[in-house]
Amino acid sequence: MPWTIVKRSKRYQKLSFLYWWDIGPGLKARLVRYESVRFLCKDTGLWCEVPVKMLLPFLKDDRRTSRSHGNWGVKVLAGRGNELAFEPPTGSKQWLSIPVVWQR
């Protein structure tokens, strides 16, 4: 079952991050049906793919944000373009990241 789900982000300007994807609780629950998640940059067409098995350990309850229904934020931070960074828990500054390779 080699299924991939695609998350799309536009580019953000003048911020500490370049791209941003949210993973909501509903999507996290459905991830068990997929093999990987493709993070797509809509403006450039660049994408990276992360196996679900590698992604799930970053989606812990204490790392949920206060946005929407308690989503998890995944970003490409300025100056750290070769990794996906996961927002720190509320009140913390500890980002976690996964190294990625961008493709066209």
PDB file of N, CA and C in Angstrom:
ATOM      1  N   MET A   1       0.844  -1.183   0.000  1.00  0.00           N
ATOM      2  CA  MET A   1       0.000   0.000   0.000  1.00  0.00           C
ATOM      3  C   MET A   1       0.892   1.251   0.000  1.00  0.00           C
ATOM      4  N   PRO A   2       1.533   1.579  -1.112  1.00  0.00           N
ATOM      5  CA  PRO A   2       2.438   2.740  -1.157  1.00  0.00           C
ATOM      6  C   PRO A   2       1.692   4.049  -1.411  1.00  0.00           C
ATOM      7  N   TRP A   3       0.908   4.479  -0.485  1.00  0.00           N
ATOM      8  CA  TRP A   3       0.133   5.704  -0.646  1.00  0.00           C
ATOM      9  C   TRP A   3       0.858   6.870  -0.014  1.00  0.00           C
ATOM     10  N   THR A   4       0.737   8.009  -0.694  1.00  0.00           N
ATOM     11  CA  THR A   4       1.336   9.242  -0.208  1.00  0.00           C
ATOM     12  C   THR A   4       0.259  10.309  -0.129  1.00  0.00           C
ATOM     13  N   ILE A   5       0.231  11.045   0.947  1.00  0.00           N
ATOM     14  CA  ILE A   5      -0.671  12.183   1.073  1.00  0.00           C
ATOM     15  C   ILE A   5       0.161  13.440   0.822  1.00  0.00           C
ATOM     16  N   VAL A   6      -0.426  14.441   0.159  1.00  0.00           N
ATOM     17  CA  VAL A   6       0.306  15.657  -0.195  1.00  0.00           C
ATOM     18  C   VAL A   6      -0.211  16.828   0.626  1.00  0.00           C
ATOM     19  N   LYS A   7       0.718  17.553   1.250  1.00  0.00           N
ATOM     20  CA  LYS A   7       0.423  18.797   1.961  1.00  0.00           C
ATOM     21  C   LYS A   7       1.054  19.931   1.161  1.00  0.00           C
ATOM     22  N   ARG A   8       0.296  20.999   0.886  1.00  0.00           N
ATOM     23  CA  ARG A   8       0.779  22.117   0.071  1.00  0.00           C
ATOM     24  C   ARG A   8       0.934  23.376   0.911  1.00  0.00           C
ATOM     25  N   SER A   9       2.002  24.140   0.632  1.00  0.00           N
ATOM     26  CA  SER A   9       2.216  25.408   1.314  1.00  0.00           C
ATOM     27  C   SER A   9       2.659  26.457   0.308  1.00  0.00           C
ATOM     28  N   LYS A  10       2.203  27.675   0.524  1.00  0.00           N
ATOM     29  CA  LYS A  10       2.733  28.800  -0.242  1.00  0.00           C
ATOM     30  C   LYS A  10       3.956  29.342   0.489  1.00  0.00           C
ATOM     31  N   ARG A  11       4.704  30.208  -0.183  1.00  0.00           N
ATOM     32  CA  ARG A  11       5.875  30.826   0.443  1.00  0.00           C
ATOM     33  C   ARG A  11       5.432  31.990   1.320  1.00  0.00           C
ATOM     34  N   TYR A  12       6.055  32.110   2.474  1.00  0.00           N
ATOM     35  CA  TYR A  12       5.798  33.216   3.388  1.00  0.00           C
ATOM     36  C   TYR A  12       6.949  34.204   3.275  1.00  0.00           C
ATOM     37  N   GLN A  13       6.656  35.477   3.301  1.00  0.00           N
ATOM     38  CA  GLN A  13       7.663  36.517   3.128  1.00  0.00           C
ATOM     39  C   GLN A  13       7.942  37.236   4.447  1.00  0.00           C
ATOM     40  N   LYS A  14       9.192  37.648   4.614  1.00  0.00           N
ATOM     41  CA  LYS A  14       9.607  38.501   5.742  1.00  0.00           C
ATOM     42  C   LYS A  14       9.324  37.891   7.119  1.00  0.00           C
ATOM     43  N   LEU A  15       9.441  36.608   7.218  1.00  0.00           N
ATOM     44  CA  LEU A  15       9.223  35.941   8.504  1.00  0.00           C
ATOM     45  C   LEU A  15      10.422  35.069   8.825  1.00  0.00           C
ATOM     46  N   SER A  16      10.413  34.487   9.978  1.00  0.00           N
ATOM     47  CA  SER A  16      11.514  33.609  10.374  1.00  0.00           C
ATOM     48  C   SER A  16      11.413  32.230   9.723  1.00  0.00           C
ATOM     49  N   PHE A  17      10.357  32.017   8.961  1.00  0.00           N
ATOM     50  CA  PHE A  17      10.220  30.744   8.250  1.00  0.00           C
ATOM     51  C   PHE A  17       9.803  31.007   6.809  1.00  0.00           C
ATOM     52  N   LEU A  18      10.074  30.032   5.940  1.00  0.00           N
ATOM     53  CA  LEU A  18       9.803  30.185   4.516  1.00  0.00           C
ATOM     54  C   LEU A  18       8.532  29.464   4.070  1.00  0.00           C
ATOM     55  N   TYR A  19       8.240  28.319   4.675  1.00  0.00           N
ATOM     56  CA  TYR A  19       7.040  27.539   4.345  1.00  0.00           C
ATOM     57  C   TYR A  19       6.459  26.995   5.640  1.00  0.00           C
ATOM     58  N   TRP A  20       5.157  26.695   5.596  1.00  0.00           N
ATOM     59  CA  TRP A  20       4.464  26.253   6.804  1.00  0.00           C
ATOM     60  C   TRP A  20       3.325  25.329   6.417  1.00  0.00           C
ATOM     61  N   TRP A  21       3.267  24.191   7.072  1.00  0.00           N
ATOM     62  CA  TRP A  21       2.176  23.231   6.915  1.00  0.00           C
ATOM     63  C   TRP A  21       1.623  22.934   8.299  1.00  0.00           C
ATOM     64  N   ASP A  22       0.314  22.767   8.385  1.00  0.00           N
ATOM     65  CA  ASP A  22      -0.312  22.316   9.624  1.00  0.00           C
ATOM     66  C   ASP A  22      -0.765  20.875   9.444  1.00  0.00           C
ATOM     67  N   ILE A  23      -0.600  20.098  10.477  1.00  0.00           N
ATOM     68  CA  ILE A  23      -1.148  18.742  10.523  1.00  0.00           C
ATOM     69  C   ILE A  23      -2.159  18.745  11.652  1.00  0.00           C
ATOM     70  N   GLY A  24      -3.411  18.593  11.300  1.00  0.00           N
ATOM     71  CA  GLY A  24      -4.471  18.585  12.293  1.00  0.00           C
ATOM     72  C   GLY A  24      -4.647  17.216  12.918  1.00  0.00           C
ATOM     73  N   PRO A  25      -5.350  17.144  14.048  1.00  0.00           N
ATOM     74  CA  PRO A  25      -5.564  15.856  14.719  1.00  0.00           C
ATOM     75  C   PRO A  25      -6.255  14.822  13.817  1.00  0.00           C
ATOM     76  N   GLY A  26      -7.175  15.267  12.999  1.00  0.00           N
ATOM     77  CA  GLY A  26      -7.857  14.331  12.098  1.00  0.00           C
ATOM     78  C   GLY A  26      -6.907  13.704  11.086  1.00  0.00           C
ATOM     79  N   LEU A  27      -6.027  14.525  10.540  1.00  0.00           N
ATOM     80  CA  LEU A  27      -5.035  13.998   9.592  1.00  0.00           C
ATOM     81  C   LEU A  27      -4.075  13.051  10.295  1.00  0.00           C
ATOM     82  N   LYS A  28      -3.650  13.410  11.492  1.00  0.00           N
ATOM     83  CA  LYS A  28      -2.741  12.516  12.220  1.00  0.00           C
ATOM     84  C   LYS A  28      -3.376  11.135  12.389  1.00  0.00           C
ATOM     85  N   ALA A  29      -4.650  11.098  12.717  1.00  0.00           N
ATOM     86  CA  ALA A  29      -5.336   9.815  12.896  1.00  0.00           C
ATOM     87  C   ALA A  29      -5.382   9.017  11.596  1.00  0.00           C
ATOM     88  N   ARG A  30      -5.471   9.707  10.464  1.00  0.00           N
ATOM     89  CA  ARG A  30      -5.548   9.022   9.167  1.00  0.00           C
ATOM     90  C   ARG A  30      -4.181   8.616   8.622  1.00  0.00           C
ATOM     91  N   LEU A  31      -3.105   9.137   9.176  1.00  0.00           N
ATOM     92  CA  LEU A  31      -1.778   8.852   8.644  1.00  0.00           C
ATOM     93  C   LEU A  31      -1.436   7.369   8.633  1.00  0.00           C
ATOM     94  N   VAL A  32      -2.048   6.584   9.505  1.00  0.00           N
ATOM     95  CA  VAL A  32      -1.753   5.146   9.538  1.00  0.00           C
ATOM     96  C   VAL A  32      -2.125   4.467   8.215  1.00  0.00           C
ATOM     97  N   ARG A  33      -2.955   5.112   7.411  1.00  0.00           N
ATOM     98  CA  ARG A  33      -3.345   4.558   6.109  1.00  0.00           C
ATOM     99  C   ARG A  33      -2.322   4.844   5.016  1.00  0.00           C
ATOM    100  N   TYR A  34      -1.345   5.680   5.310  1.00  0.00           N
ATOM    101  CA  TYR A  34      -0.397   6.130   4.296  1.00  0.00           C
ATOM    102  C   TYR A  34       1.016   5.660   4.610  1.00  0.00           C
ATOM    103  N   GLU A  35       1.817   5.648   3.581  1.00  0.00           N
ATOM    104  CA  GLU A  35       3.220   5.286   3.726  1.00  0.00           C
ATOM    105  C   GLU A  35       4.082   6.522   3.960  1.00  0.00           C
ATOM    106  N   SER A  36       3.689   7.654   3.332  1.00  0.00           N
ATOM    107  CA  SER A  36       4.505   8.855   3.451  1.00  0.00           C
ATOM    108  C   SER A  36       3.657  10.112   3.287  1.00  0.00           C
ATOM    109  N   VAL A  37       4.266  11.237   3.648  1.00  0.00           N
ATOM    110  CA  VAL A  37       3.655  12.553   3.472  1.00  0.00           C
ATOM    111  C   VAL A  37       4.592  13.355   2.587  1.00  0.00           C
ATOM    112  N   ARG A  38       4.046  13.921   1.513  1.00  0.00           N
ATOM    113  CA  ARG A  38       4.823  14.779   0.617  1.00  0.00           C
ATOM    114  C   ARG A  38       4.526  16.229   0.976  1.00  0.00           C
ATOM    115  N   PHE A  39       5.566  16.970   1.335  1.00  0.00           N
ATOM    116  CA  PHE A  39       5.451  18.384   1.645  1.00  0.00           C
ATOM    117  C   PHE A  39       5.832  19.153   0.388  1.00  0.00           C
ATOM    118  N   LEU A  40       4.862  19.850  -0.197  1.00  0.00           N
ATOM    119  CA  LEU A  40       5.025  20.527  -1.476  1.00  0.00           C
ATOM    120  C   LEU A  40       5.061  22.036  -1.281  1.00  0.00           C
ATOM    121  N   CYS A  41       6.023  22.687  -1.923  1.00  0.00           N
ATOM    122  CA  CYS A  41       6.104  24.154  -1.956  1.00  0.00           C
ATOM    123  C   CYS A  41       5.404  24.587  -3.241  1.00  0.00           C
ATOM    124  N   LYS A  42       4.186  25.133  -3.112  1.00  0.00           N
ATOM    125  CA  LYS A  42       3.364  25.417  -4.287  1.00  0.00           C
ATOM    126  C   LYS A  42       4.024  26.381  -5.269  1.00  0.00           C
ATOM    127  N   ASP A  43       4.774  27.355  -4.783  1.00  0.00           N
ATOM    128  CA  ASP A  43       5.319  28.364  -5.690  1.00  0.00           C
ATOM    129  C   ASP A  43       6.489  27.857  -6.528  1.00  0.00           C
ATOM    130  N   THR A  44       7.267  26.921  -6.006  1.00  0.00           N
ATOM    131  CA  THR A  44       8.451  26.440  -6.725  1.00  0.00           C
ATOM    132  C   THR A  44       8.263  25.035  -7.294  1.00  0.00           C
ATOM    133  N   GLY A  45       7.296  24.296  -6.768  1.00  0.00           N
ATOM    134  CA  GLY A  45       7.125  22.906  -7.176  1.00  0.00           C
ATOM    135  C   GLY A  45       8.075  21.960  -6.465  1.00  0.00           C
ATOM    136  N   LEU A  46       8.948  22.484  -5.620  1.00  0.00           N
ATOM    137  CA  LEU A  46       9.852  21.611  -4.860  1.00  0.00           C
ATOM    138  C   LEU A  46       9.054  20.814  -3.838  1.00  0.00           C
ATOM    139  N   TRP A  47       9.497  19.594  -3.577  1.00  0.00           N
ATOM    140  CA  TRP A  47       8.821  18.762  -2.591  1.00  0.00           C
ATOM    141  C   TRP A  47       9.825  17.830  -1.935  1.00  0.00           C
ATOM    142  N   CYS A  48       9.457  17.400  -0.756  1.00  0.00           N
ATOM    143  CA  CYS A  48      10.204  16.362  -0.064  1.00  0.00           C
ATOM    144  C   CYS A  48       9.174  15.378   0.480  1.00  0.00           C
ATOM    145  N   GLU A  49       9.625  14.168   0.685  1.00  0.00           N
ATOM    146  CA  GLU A  49       8.717  13.136   1.175  1.00  0.00           C
ATOM    147  C   GLU A  49       9.280  12.555   2.466  1.00  0.00           C
ATOM    148  N   VAL A  50       8.400  12.426   3.456  1.00  0.00           N
ATOM    149  CA  VAL A  50       8.803  11.906   4.761  1.00  0.00           C
ATOM    150  C   VAL A  50       7.967  10.672   5.065  1.00  0.00           C
ATOM    151  N   PRO A  51       8.601   9.544   5.372  1.00  0.00           N
ATOM    152  CA  PRO A  51       7.837   8.355   5.748  1.00  0.00           C
ATOM    153  C   PRO A  51       6.996   8.630   7.001  1.00  0.00           C
ATOM    154  N   VAL A  52       5.790   8.106   7.017  1.00  0.00           N
ATOM    155  CA  VAL A  52       4.897   8.295   8.163  1.00  0.00           C
ATOM    156  C   VAL A  52       5.564   7.785   9.437  1.00  0.00           C
ATOM    157  N   LYS A  53       6.281   6.666   9.349  1.00  0.00           N
ATOM    158  CA  LYS A  53       6.957   6.121  10.536  1.00  0.00           C
ATOM    159  C   LYS A  53       7.957   7.109  11.121  1.00  0.00           C
ATOM    160  N   MET A  54       8.570   7.950  10.281  1.00  0.00           N
ATOM    161  CA  MET A  54       9.517   8.948  10.753  1.00  0.00           C
ATOM    162  C   MET A  54       8.799  10.192  11.290  1.00  0.00           C
ATOM    163  N   LEU A  55       7.640  10.492  10.734  1.00  0.00           N
ATOM    164  CA  LEU A  55       6.891  11.700  11.091  1.00  0.00           C
ATOM    165  C   LEU A  55       6.143  11.574  12.419  1.00  0.00           C
ATOM    166  N   LEU A  56       5.524  10.430  12.668  1.00  0.00           N
ATOM    167  CA  LEU A  56       4.662  10.262  13.849  1.00  0.00           C
ATOM    168  C   LEU A  56       5.334  10.571  15.195  1.00  0.00           C
ATOM    169  N   PRO A  57       6.600  10.223  15.416  1.00  0.00           N
ATOM    170  CA  PRO A  57       7.210  10.554  16.714  1.00  0.00           C
ATOM    171  C   PRO A  57       7.280  12.058  16.998  1.00  0.00           C
ATOM    172  N   PHE A  58       7.174  12.896  15.975  1.00  0.00           N
ATOM    173  CA  PHE A  58       7.207  14.348  16.158  1.00  0.00           C
ATOM    174  C   PHE A  58       5.822  14.916  16.481  1.00  0.00           C
ATOM    175  N   LEU A  59       4.793  14.120  16.307  1.00  0.00           N
ATOM    176  CA  LEU A  59       3.418  14.585  16.508  1.00  0.00           C
ATOM    177  C   LEU A  59       2.893  14.158  17.876  1.00  0.00           C
ATOM    178  N   LYS A  60       3.577  14.580  18.909  1.00  0.00           N
ATOM    179  CA  LYS A  60       3.186  14.278  20.288  1.00  0.00           C
ATOM    180  C   LYS A  60       2.252  15.360  20.810  1.00  0.00           C
ATOM    181  N   ASP A  61       1.373  14.998  21.730  1.00  0.00           N
ATOM    182  CA  ASP A  61       0.385  15.946  22.259  1.00  0.00           C
ATOM    183  C   ASP A  61       1.010  17.207  22.845  1.00  0.00           C
ATOM    184  N   ASP A  62       2.153  17.088  23.488  1.00  0.00           N
ATOM    185  CA  ASP A  62       2.745  18.281  24.111  1.00  0.00           C
ATOM    186  C   ASP A  62       3.312  19.268  23.082  1.00  0.00           C
ATOM    187  N   ARG A  63       3.397  18.888  21.815  1.00  0.00           N
ATOM    188  CA  ARG A  63       3.914  19.775  20.778  1.00  0.00           C
ATOM    189  C   ARG A  63       2.786  20.413  19.956  1.00  0.00           C
ATOM    190  N   ARG A  64       1.546  20.173  20.343  1.00  0.00           N
ATOM    191  CA  ARG A  64       0.421  20.768  19.619  1.00  0.00           C
ATOM    192  C   ARG A  64       0.381  22.272  19.872  1.00  0.00           C
ATOM    193  N   THR A  65      -0.067  23.012  18.862  1.00  0.00           N
ATOM    194  CA  THR A  65      -0.142  24.470  18.988  1.00  0.00           C
ATOM    195  C   THR A  65      -1.524  24.873  19.491  1.00  0.00           C
ATOM    196  N   SER A  66      -1.680  26.150  19.735  1.00  0.00           N
ATOM    197  CA  SER A  66      -2.989  26.664  20.160  1.00  0.00           C
ATOM    198  C   SER A  66      -3.849  27.040  18.951  1.00  0.00           C
ATOM    199  N   ARG A  67      -3.329  26.904  17.739  1.00  0.00           N
ATOM    200  CA  ARG A  67      -4.087  27.230  16.535  1.00  0.00           C
ATOM    201  C   ARG A  67      -5.162  26.191  16.264  1.00  0.00           C
ATOM    202  N   SER A  68      -6.271  26.651  15.767  1.00  0.00           N
ATOM    203  CA  SER A  68      -7.341  25.790  15.277  1.00  0.00           C
ATOM    204  C   SER A  68      -7.720  24.747  16.327  1.00  0.00           C
ATOM    205  N   HIS A  69      -7.587  23.490  15.990  1.00  0.00           N
ATOM    206  CA  HIS A  69      -7.971  22.397  16.896  1.00  0.00           C
ATOM    207  C   HIS A  69      -6.752  21.728  17.520  1.00  0.00           C
ATOM    208  N   GLY A  70      -5.691  22.491  17.714  1.00  0.00           N
ATOM    209  CA  GLY A  70      -4.477  21.911  18.288  1.00  0.00           C
ATOM    210  C   GLY A  70      -3.629  21.223  17.246  1.00  0.00           C
ATOM    211  N   ASN A  71      -3.393  21.918  16.146  1.00  0.00           N
ATOM    212  CA  ASN A  71      -2.574  21.367  15.068  1.00  0.00           C
ATOM    213  C   ASN A  71      -1.111  21.268  15.471  1.00  0.00           C
ATOM    214  N   TRP A  72      -0.358  20.559  14.663  1.00  0.00           N
ATOM    215  CA  TRP A  72       1.096  20.531  14.762  1.00  0.00           C
ATOM    216  C   TRP A  72       1.615  21.372  13.611  1.00  0.00           C
ATOM    217  N   GLY A  73       2.564  22.249  13.887  1.00  0.00           N
ATOM    218  CA  GLY A  73       3.137  23.103  12.851  1.00  0.00           C
ATOM    219  C   GLY A  73       4.442  22.544  12.338  1.00  0.00           C
ATOM    220  N   VAL A  74       4.540  22.444  11.011  1.00  0.00           N
ATOM    221  CA  VAL A  74       5.758  21.980  10.357  1.00  0.00           C
ATOM    222  C   VAL A  74       6.230  23.131   9.473  1.00  0.00           C
ATOM    223  N   LYS A  75       7.493  23.530   9.621  1.00  0.00           N
ATOM    224  CA  LYS A  75       7.978  24.704   8.897  1.00  0.00           C
ATOM    225  C   LYS A  75       9.355  24.451   8.296  1.00  0.00           C
ATOM    226  N   VAL A  76       9.655  25.249   7.288  1.00  0.00           N
ATOM    227  CA  VAL A  76      11.021  25.384   6.806  1.00  0.00           C
ATOM    228  C   VAL A  76      11.492  26.716   7.361  1.00  0.00           C
ATOM    229  N   LEU A  77      12.421  26.671   8.301  1.00  0.00           N
ATOM    230  CA  LEU A  77      12.907  27.884   8.946  1.00  0.00           C
ATOM    231  C   LEU A  77      13.919  28.589   8.043  1.00  0.00           C
ATOM    232  N   ALA A  78      13.941  29.899   8.103  1.00  0.00           N
ATOM    233  CA  ALA A  78      14.924  30.678   7.351  1.00  0.00           C
ATOM    234  C   ALA A  78      16.322  30.241   7.762  1.00  0.00           C
ATOM    235  N   GLY A  79      17.177  30.006   6.795  1.00  0.00           N
ATOM    236  CA  GLY A  79      18.549  29.577   7.079  1.00  0.00           C
ATOM    237  C   GLY A  79      18.701  28.105   7.367  1.00  0.00           C
ATOM    238  N   ARG A  80      17.595  27.369   7.363  1.00  0.00           N
ATOM    239  CA  ARG A  80      17.627  25.916   7.636  1.00  0.00           C
ATOM    240  C   ARG A  80      16.775  25.196   6.587  1.00  0.00           C
ATOM    241  N   GLY A  81      17.078  25.461   5.316  1.00  0.00           N
ATOM    242  CA  GLY A  81      16.259  24.984   4.222  1.00  0.00           C
ATOM    243  C   GLY A  81      16.282  23.499   3.946  1.00  0.00           C
ATOM    244  N   ASN A  82      17.232  22.776   4.513  1.00  0.00           N
ATOM    245  CA  ASN A  82      17.322  21.341   4.249  1.00  0.00           C
ATOM    246  C   ASN A  82      16.766  20.495   5.380  1.00  0.00           C
ATOM    247  N   GLU A  83      15.794  21.064   6.082  1.00  0.00           N
ATOM    248  CA  GLU A  83      15.133  20.296   7.131  1.00  0.00           C
ATOM    249  C   GLU A  83      13.714  20.802   7.335  1.00  0.00           C
ATOM    250  N   LEU A  84      12.875  19.924   7.824  1.00  0.00           N
ATOM    251  CA  LEU A  84      11.533  20.302   8.266  1.00  0.00           C
ATOM    252  C   LEU A  84      11.603  20.441   9.770  1.00  0.00           C
ATOM    253  N   ALA A  85      11.144  21.576  10.271  1.00  0.00           N
ATOM    254  CA  ALA A  85      11.205  21.858  11.701  1.00  0.00           C
ATOM    255  C   ALA A  85       9.810  21.776  12.296  1.00  0.00           C
ATOM    256  N   PHE A  86       9.703  21.194  13.467  1.00  0.00           N
ATOM    257  CA  PHE A  86       8.433  21.020  14.163  1.00  0.00           C
ATOM    258  C   PHE A  86       8.372  22.002  15.314  1.00  0.00           C
ATOM    259  N   GLU A  87       7.278  22.763  15.356  1.00  0.00           N
ATOM    260  CA  GLU A  87       7.132  23.813  16.362  1.00  0.00           C
ATOM    261  C   GLU A  87       7.319  23.263  17.765  1.00  0.00           C
ATOM    262  N   PRO A  88       7.933  24.084  18.619  1.00  0.00           N
ATOM    263  CA  PRO A  88       8.147  23.645  20.005  1.00  0.00           C
ATOM    264  C   PRO A  88       6.851  23.657  20.806  1.00  0.00           C
ATOM    265  N   PRO A  89       6.834  22.945  21.908  1.00  0.00           N
ATOM    266  CA  PRO A  89       5.664  22.993  22.786  1.00  0.00           C
ATOM    267  C   PRO A  89       5.448  24.426  23.288  1.00  0.00           C
ATOM    268  N   THR A  90       4.237  24.745  23.651  1.00  0.00           N
ATOM    269  CA  THR A  90       3.925  26.063  24.190  1.00  0.00           C
ATOM    270  C   THR A  90       4.845  26.366  25.365  1.00  0.00           C
ATOM    271  N   GLY A  91       5.445  27.541  25.354  1.00  0.00           N
ATOM    272  CA  GLY A  91       6.345  27.948  26.431  1.00  0.00           C
ATOM    273  C   GLY A  91       7.768  27.463  26.281  1.00  0.00           C
ATOM    274  N   SER A  92       8.070  26.784  25.189  1.00  0.00           N
ATOM    275  CA  SER A  92       9.415  26.256  24.960  1.00  0.00           C
ATOM    276  C   SER A  92       9.978  26.846  23.675  1.00  0.00           C
ATOM    277  N   LYS A  93      11.283  26.720  23.506  1.00  0.00           N
ATOM    278  CA  LYS A  93      11.926  27.163  22.267  1.00  0.00           C
ATOM    279  C   LYS A  93      12.635  26.002  21.584  1.00  0.00           C
ATOM    280  N   GLN A  94      12.327  24.782  21.987  1.00  0.00           N
ATOM    281  CA  GLN A  94      13.016  23.601  21.482  1.00  0.00           C
ATOM    282  C   GLN A  94      12.355  23.070  20.207  1.00  0.00           C
ATOM    283  N   TRP A  95      12.888  23.485  19.061  1.00  0.00           N
ATOM    284  CA  TRP A  95      12.434  22.969  17.781  1.00  0.00           C
ATOM    285  C   TRP A  95      13.063  21.596  17.558  1.00  0.00           C
ATOM    286  N   LEU A  96      12.321  20.695  16.946  1.00  0.00           N
ATOM    287  CA  LEU A  96      12.858  19.410  16.506  1.00  0.00           C
ATOM    288  C   LEU A  96      12.830  19.418  14.989  1.00  0.00           C
ATOM    289  N   SER A  97      13.743  18.698  14.362  1.00  0.00           N
ATOM    290  CA  SER A  97      13.766  18.738  12.902  1.00  0.00           C
ATOM    291  C   SER A  97      14.133  17.390  12.298  1.00  0.00           C
ATOM    292  N   ILE A  98      13.755  17.270  11.022  1.00  0.00           N
ATOM    293  CA  ILE A  98      14.057  16.094  10.201  1.00  0.00           C
ATOM    294  C   ILE A  98      14.831  16.601   8.988  1.00  0.00           C
ATOM    295  N   PRO A  99      15.999  16.054   8.692  1.00  0.00           N
ATOM    296  CA  PRO A  99      16.684  16.454   7.457  1.00  0.00           C
ATOM    297  C   PRO A  99      15.909  15.942   6.247  1.00  0.00           C
ATOM    298  N   VAL A 100      15.840  16.772   5.210  1.00  0.00           N
ATOM    299  CA  VAL A 100      15.116  16.394   3.993  1.00  0.00           C
ATOM    300  C   VAL A 100      15.932  16.769   2.758  1.00  0.00           C
ATOM    301  N   VAL A 101      15.583  16.136   1.660  1.00  0.00           N
ATOM    302  CA  VAL A 101      16.153  16.451   0.356  1.00  0.00           C
ATOM    303  C   VAL A 101      15.002  16.913  -0.534  1.00  0.00           C
ATOM    304  N   TRP A 102      15.105  18.135  -1.045  1.00  0.00           N
ATOM    305  CA  TRP A 102      14.075  18.692  -1.913  1.00  0.00           C
ATOM    306  C   TRP A 102      14.261  18.198  -3.336  1.00  0.00           C
ATOM    307  N   GLN A 103      13.146  17.918  -3.989  1.00  0.00           N
ATOM    308  CA  GLN A 103      13.161  17.392  -5.352  1.00  0.00           C
ATOM    309  C   GLN A 103      12.211  18.200  -6.224  1.00  0.00           C
ATOM    310  N   ARG A 104      12.371  18.068  -7.511  1.00  0.00           N
ATOM    311  CA  ARG A 104      11.452  18.681  -8.489  1.00  0.00           C
ATOM    312  C   ARG A 104      10.673  17.620  -9.189  1.00  0.00           C
TER     313      ARG A 104
END
